[in-house]
Amino acid sequence: MALASSSAAFAATDFDTLDVDGNGAISQAEASVDASLMSQFTELDTDQNGELSKAEFSKA
């Protein structure tokens, strides 16, 4: 159930809104404005590059 709640919260937060610098990825600094996203950042960052791609973000 928590996953569904998290997904709904992420859906409300648009990828492009979080990608402040427009580089096509969400850094930890950019994600820090969303506590729910930050709590899952490491898990979502499957390639462990310190950023979330649109594909990684969409799995939230």
PDB file of N, CA and C in Angstrom:
ATOM      1  N   MET A   1       0.818  -1.191   0.000  1.00  0.00           N
ATOM      2  CA  MET A   1       0.000   0.000   0.000  1.00  0.00           C
ATOM      3  C   MET A   1       0.864   1.258   0.000  1.00  0.00           C
ATOM      4  N   ALA A   2       1.975   1.217   0.706  1.00  0.00           N
ATOM      5  CA  ALA A   2       2.853   2.384   0.748  1.00  0.00           C
ATOM      6  C   ALA A   2       3.385   2.717  -0.641  1.00  0.00           C
ATOM      7  N   LEU A   3       3.669   1.691  -1.423  1.00  0.00           N
ATOM      8  CA  LEU A   3       4.176   1.926  -2.772  1.00  0.00           C
ATOM      9  C   LEU A   3       3.147   2.670  -3.612  1.00  0.00           C
ATOM     10  N   ALA A   4       1.896   2.297  -3.495  1.00  0.00           N
ATOM     11  CA  ALA A   4       0.846   2.986  -4.246  1.00  0.00           C
ATOM     12  C   ALA A   4       0.750   4.441  -3.826  1.00  0.00           C
ATOM     13  N   SER A   5       0.868   4.692  -2.542  1.00  0.00           N
ATOM     14  CA  SER A   5       0.829   6.069  -2.049  1.00  0.00           C
ATOM     15  C   SER A   5       2.011   6.856  -2.582  1.00  0.00           C
ATOM     16  N   SER A   6       3.185   6.228  -2.581  1.00  0.00           N
ATOM     17  CA  SER A   6       4.379   6.897  -3.086  1.00  0.00           C
ATOM     18  C   SER A   6       4.239   7.200  -4.569  1.00  0.00           C
ATOM     19  N   SER A   7       3.715   6.248  -5.319  1.00  0.00           N
ATOM     20  CA  SER A   7       3.537   6.457  -6.753  1.00  0.00           C
ATOM     21  C   SER A   7       2.607   7.625  -7.025  1.00  0.00           C
ATOM     22  N   ALA A   8       1.566   7.731  -6.243  1.00  0.00           N
ATOM     23  CA  ALA A   8       0.632   8.841  -6.414  1.00  0.00           C
ATOM     24  C   ALA A   8       1.316  10.163  -6.114  1.00  0.00           C
ATOM     25  N   ALA A   9       2.151  10.173  -5.092  1.00  0.00           N
ATOM     26  CA  ALA A   9       2.866  11.396  -4.735  1.00  0.00           C
ATOM     27  C   ALA A   9       3.832  11.794  -5.844  1.00  0.00           C
ATOM     28  N   PHE A  10       4.554  10.810  -6.401  1.00  0.00           N
ATOM     29  CA  PHE A  10       5.495  11.105  -7.476  1.00  0.00           C
ATOM     30  C   PHE A  10       4.764  11.559  -8.731  1.00  0.00           C
ATOM     31  N   ALA A  11       3.615  10.972  -8.997  1.00  0.00           N
ATOM     32  CA  ALA A  11       2.850  11.359 -10.179  1.00  0.00           C
ATOM     33  C   ALA A  11       2.464  12.828 -10.107  1.00  0.00           C
ATOM     34  N   ALA A  12       2.243  13.302  -8.895  1.00  0.00           N
ATOM     35  CA  ALA A  12       1.866  14.702  -8.714  1.00  0.00           C
ATOM     36  C   ALA A  12       3.059  15.626  -8.940  1.00  0.00           C
ATOM     37  N   THR A  13       4.247  15.075  -8.851  1.00  0.00           N
ATOM     38  CA  THR A  13       5.461  15.858  -9.055  1.00  0.00           C
ATOM     39  C   THR A  13       6.017  15.517 -10.432  1.00  0.00           C
ATOM     40  N   ASP A  14       5.990  16.443 -11.323  1.00  0.00           N
ATOM     41  CA  ASP A  14       6.412  16.246 -12.698  1.00  0.00           C
ATOM     42  C   ASP A  14       7.935  16.163 -12.807  1.00  0.00           C
ATOM     43  N   PHE A  15       8.425  15.199 -13.591  1.00  0.00           N
ATOM     44  CA  PHE A  15       9.861  15.028 -13.798  1.00  0.00           C
ATOM     45  C   PHE A  15      10.508  16.339 -14.240  1.00  0.00           C
ATOM     46  N   ASP A  16       9.911  16.991 -15.218  1.00  0.00           N
ATOM     47  CA  ASP A  16      10.499  18.216 -15.765  1.00  0.00           C
ATOM     48  C   ASP A  16      10.537  19.348 -14.745  1.00  0.00           C
ATOM     49  N   THR A  17       9.604  19.338 -13.809  1.00  0.00           N
ATOM     50  CA  THR A  17       9.612  20.348 -12.748  1.00  0.00           C
ATOM     51  C   THR A  17      10.792  20.121 -11.810  1.00  0.00           C
ATOM     52  N   LEU A  18      11.065  18.854 -11.493  1.00  0.00           N
ATOM     53  CA  LEU A  18      12.179  18.537 -10.595  1.00  0.00           C
ATOM     54  C   LEU A  18      13.535  18.707 -11.282  1.00  0.00           C
ATOM     55  N   ASP A  19      13.586  18.486 -12.585  1.00  0.00           N
ATOM     56  CA  ASP A  19      14.835  18.621 -13.344  1.00  0.00           C
ATOM     57  C   ASP A  19      15.097  20.104 -13.614  1.00  0.00           C
ATOM     58  N   VAL A  20      15.478  20.799 -12.564  1.00  0.00           N
ATOM     59  CA  VAL A  20      15.615  22.261 -12.605  1.00  0.00           C
ATOM     60  C   VAL A  20      16.617  22.718 -13.665  1.00  0.00           C
ATOM     61  N   ASP A  21      17.750  22.015 -13.792  1.00  0.00           N
ATOM     62  CA  ASP A  21      18.767  22.462 -14.749  1.00  0.00           C
ATOM     63  C   ASP A  21      18.514  21.952 -16.171  1.00  0.00           C
ATOM     64  N   GLY A  22      17.479  21.131 -16.348  1.00  0.00           N
ATOM     65  CA  GLY A  22      17.092  20.684 -17.681  1.00  0.00           C
ATOM     66  C   GLY A  22      18.058  19.735 -18.357  1.00  0.00           C
ATOM     67  N   ASN A  23      18.861  19.002 -17.561  1.00  0.00           N
ATOM     68  CA  ASN A  23      19.843  18.105 -18.161  1.00  0.00           C
ATOM     69  C   ASN A  23      19.303  16.699 -18.416  1.00  0.00           C
ATOM     70  N   GLY A  24      18.010  16.488 -18.174  1.00  0.00           N
ATOM     71  CA  GLY A  24      17.415  15.184 -18.431  1.00  0.00           C
ATOM     72  C   GLY A  24      17.553  14.190 -17.301  1.00  0.00           C
ATOM     73  N   ALA A  25      17.990  14.664 -16.139  1.00  0.00           N
ATOM     74  CA  ALA A  25      18.137  13.798 -14.968  1.00  0.00           C
ATOM     75  C   ALA A  25      17.848  14.609 -13.714  1.00  0.00           C
ATOM     76  N   ILE A  26      17.426  13.905 -12.669  1.00  0.00           N
ATOM     77  CA  ILE A  26      17.167  14.558 -11.387  1.00  0.00           C
ATOM     78  C   ILE A  26      18.296  14.201 -10.434  1.00  0.00           C
ATOM     79  N   SER A  27      19.048  15.195 -10.025  1.00  0.00           N
ATOM     80  CA  SER A  27      20.135  14.983  -9.072  1.00  0.00           C
ATOM     81  C   SER A  27      19.568  14.872  -7.667  1.00  0.00           C
ATOM     82  N   GLN A  28      20.403  14.449  -6.720  1.00  0.00           N
ATOM     83  CA  GLN A  28      19.958  14.393  -5.329  1.00  0.00           C
ATOM     84  C   GLN A  28      19.597  15.784  -4.839  1.00  0.00           C
ATOM     85  N   ALA A  29      20.335  16.780  -5.259  1.00  0.00           N
ATOM     86  CA  ALA A  29      20.034  18.157  -4.846  1.00  0.00           C
ATOM     87  C   ALA A  29      18.661  18.577  -5.362  1.00  0.00           C
ATOM     88  N   GLU A  30      18.362  18.241  -6.608  1.00  0.00           N
ATOM     89  CA  GLU A  30      17.055  18.582  -7.175  1.00  0.00           C
ATOM     90  C   GLU A  30      15.940  17.782  -6.491  1.00  0.00           C
ATOM     91  N   ALA A  31      16.216  16.531  -6.171  1.00  0.00           N
ATOM     92  CA  ALA A  31      15.216  15.669  -5.528  1.00  0.00           C
ATOM     93  C   ALA A  31      14.965  16.054  -4.081  1.00  0.00           C
ATOM     94  N   SER A  32      15.871  16.800  -3.485  1.00  0.00           N
ATOM     95  CA  SER A  32      15.770  17.113  -2.055  1.00  0.00           C
ATOM     96  C   SER A  32      14.525  17.917  -1.698  1.00  0.00           C
ATOM     97  N   VAL A  33      13.864  18.508  -2.680  1.00  0.00           N
ATOM     98  CA  VAL A  33      12.633  19.261  -2.404  1.00  0.00           C
ATOM     99  C   VAL A  33      11.437  18.336  -2.169  1.00  0.00           C
ATOM    100  N   ASP A  34      11.603  17.046  -2.441  1.00  0.00           N
ATOM    101  CA  ASP A  34      10.524  16.063  -2.276  1.00  0.00           C
ATOM    102  C   ASP A  34      10.998  14.965  -1.321  1.00  0.00           C
ATOM    103  N   ALA A  35      10.569  15.037  -0.060  1.00  0.00           N
ATOM    104  CA  ALA A  35      11.018  14.089   0.965  1.00  0.00           C
ATOM    105  C   ALA A  35      10.688  12.648   0.588  1.00  0.00           C
ATOM    106  N   SER A  36       9.553  12.442  -0.037  1.00  0.00           N
ATOM    107  CA  SER A  36       9.145  11.100  -0.435  1.00  0.00           C
ATOM    108  C   SER A  36      10.090  10.538  -1.500  1.00  0.00           C
ATOM    109  N   LEU A  37      10.455  11.356  -2.453  1.00  0.00           N
ATOM    110  CA  LEU A  37      11.396  10.938  -3.488  1.00  0.00           C
ATOM    111  C   LEU A  37      12.770  10.674  -2.889  1.00  0.00           C
ATOM    112  N   MET A  38      13.219  11.529  -2.008  1.00  0.00           N
ATOM    113  CA  MET A  38      14.535  11.354  -1.388  1.00  0.00           C
ATOM    114  C   MET A  38      14.623  10.048  -0.606  1.00  0.00           C
ATOM    115  N   SER A  39      13.529   9.658   0.032  1.00  0.00           N
ATOM    116  CA  SER A  39      13.552   8.432   0.829  1.00  0.00           C
ATOM    117  C   SER A  39      13.749   7.187  -0.035  1.00  0.00           C
ATOM    118  N   GLN A  40      13.467   7.294  -1.336  1.00  0.00           N
ATOM    119  CA  GLN A  40      13.623   6.156  -2.247  1.00  0.00           C
ATOM    120  C   GLN A  40      14.690   6.389  -3.309  1.00  0.00           C
ATOM    121  N   PHE A  41      15.406   7.480  -3.222  1.00  0.00           N
ATOM    122  CA  PHE A  41      16.339   7.876  -4.274  1.00  0.00           C
ATOM    123  C   PHE A  41      17.347   6.770  -4.589  1.00  0.00           C
ATOM    124  N   THR A  42      18.004   6.236  -3.558  1.00  0.00           N
ATOM    125  CA  THR A  42      19.040   5.225  -3.770  1.00  0.00           C
ATOM    126  C   THR A  42      18.470   3.977  -4.433  1.00  0.00           C
ATOM    127  N   GLU A  43      17.282   3.574  -4.014  1.00  0.00           N
ATOM    128  CA  GLU A  43      16.633   2.402  -4.595  1.00  0.00           C
ATOM    129  C   GLU A  43      16.264   2.638  -6.060  1.00  0.00           C
ATOM    130  N   LEU A  44      15.796   3.825  -6.368  1.00  0.00           N
ATOM    131  CA  LEU A  44      15.386   4.145  -7.736  1.00  0.00           C
ATOM    132  C   LEU A  44      16.575   4.339  -8.673  1.00  0.00           C
ATOM    133  N   ASP A  45      17.698   4.782  -8.139  1.00  0.00           N
ATOM    134  CA  ASP A  45      18.900   5.055  -8.934  1.00  0.00           C
ATOM    135  C   ASP A  45      19.605   3.738  -9.256  1.00  0.00           C
ATOM    136  N   THR A  46      19.002   2.961 -10.154  1.00  0.00           N
ATOM    137  CA  THR A  46      19.469   1.602 -10.414  1.00  0.00           C
ATOM    138  C   THR A  46      20.867   1.532 -11.026  1.00  0.00           C
ATOM    139  N   ASP A  47      21.287   2.551 -11.753  1.00  0.00           N
ATOM    140  CA  ASP A  47      22.642   2.541 -12.307  1.00  0.00           C
ATOM    141  C   ASP A  47      23.649   3.215 -11.374  1.00  0.00           C
ATOM    142  N   GLN A  48      23.178   3.658 -10.233  1.00  0.00           N
ATOM    143  CA  GLN A  48      24.003   4.236  -9.168  1.00  0.00           C
ATOM    144  C   GLN A  48      24.918   5.362  -9.647  1.00  0.00           C
ATOM    145  N   ASN A  49      24.370   6.236 -10.497  1.00  0.00           N
ATOM    146  CA  ASN A  49      25.170   7.362 -10.976  1.00  0.00           C
ATOM    147  C   ASN A  49      24.868   8.658 -10.231  1.00  0.00           C
ATOM    148  N   GLY A  50      24.019   8.566  -9.198  1.00  0.00           N
ATOM    149  CA  GLY A  50      23.708   9.747  -8.398  1.00  0.00           C
ATOM    150  C   GLY A  50      22.635  10.635  -8.995  1.00  0.00           C
ATOM    151  N   GLU A  51      22.005  10.169 -10.067  1.00  0.00           N
ATOM    152  CA  GLU A  51      20.929  10.918 -10.721  1.00  0.00           C
ATOM    153  C   GLU A  51      19.820   9.946 -11.108  1.00  0.00           C
ATOM    154  N   LEU A  52      18.612  10.475 -11.209  1.00  0.00           N
ATOM    155  CA  LEU A  52      17.492   9.670 -11.687  1.00  0.00           C
ATOM    156  C   LEU A  52      17.161  10.065 -13.116  1.00  0.00           C
ATOM    157  N   SER A  53      17.217   9.094 -14.002  1.00  0.00           N
ATOM    158  CA  SER A  53      16.776   9.327 -15.377  1.00  0.00           C
ATOM    159  C   SER A  53      15.254   9.329 -15.385  1.00  0.00           C
ATOM    160  N   LYS A  54      14.679   9.719 -16.498  1.00  0.00           N
ATOM    161  CA  LYS A  54      13.218   9.709 -16.611  1.00  0.00           C
ATOM    162  C   LYS A  54      12.697   8.281 -16.440  1.00  0.00           C
ATOM    163  N   ALA A  55      13.414   7.298 -16.976  1.00  0.00           N
ATOM    164  CA  ALA A  55      13.006   5.892 -16.848  1.00  0.00           C
ATOM    165  C   ALA A  55      13.056   5.444 -15.391  1.00  0.00           C
ATOM    166  N   GLU A  56      14.122   5.810 -14.678  1.00  0.00           N
ATOM    167  CA  GLU A  56      14.227   5.443 -13.261  1.00  0.00           C
ATOM    168  C   GLU A  56      13.128   6.132 -12.456  1.00  0.00           C
ATOM    169  N   PHE A  57      12.900   7.397 -12.722  1.00  0.00           N
ATOM    170  CA  PHE A  57      11.874   8.164 -12.019  1.00  0.00           C
ATOM    171  C   PHE A  57      10.490   7.566 -12.250  1.00  0.00           C
ATOM    172  N   SER A  58      10.240   7.085 -13.458  1.00  0.00           N
ATOM    173  CA  SER A  58       8.913   6.554 -13.786  1.00  0.00           C
ATOM    174  C   SER A  58       8.599   5.267 -13.035  1.00  0.00           C
ATOM    175  N   LYS A  59       9.609   4.617 -12.472  1.00  0.00           N
ATOM    176  CA  LYS A  59       9.394   3.394 -11.697  1.00  0.00           C
ATOM    177  C   LYS A  59       8.982   3.688 -10.267  1.00  0.00           C
ATOM    178  N   ALA A  60       8.959   4.959  -9.906  1.00  0.00           N
ATOM    179  CA  ALA A  60       8.593   5.350  -8.535  1.00  0.00           C
ATOM    180  C   ALA A  60       7.127   5.105  -8.284  1.00  0.00           C
TER     181      ALA A  60
END
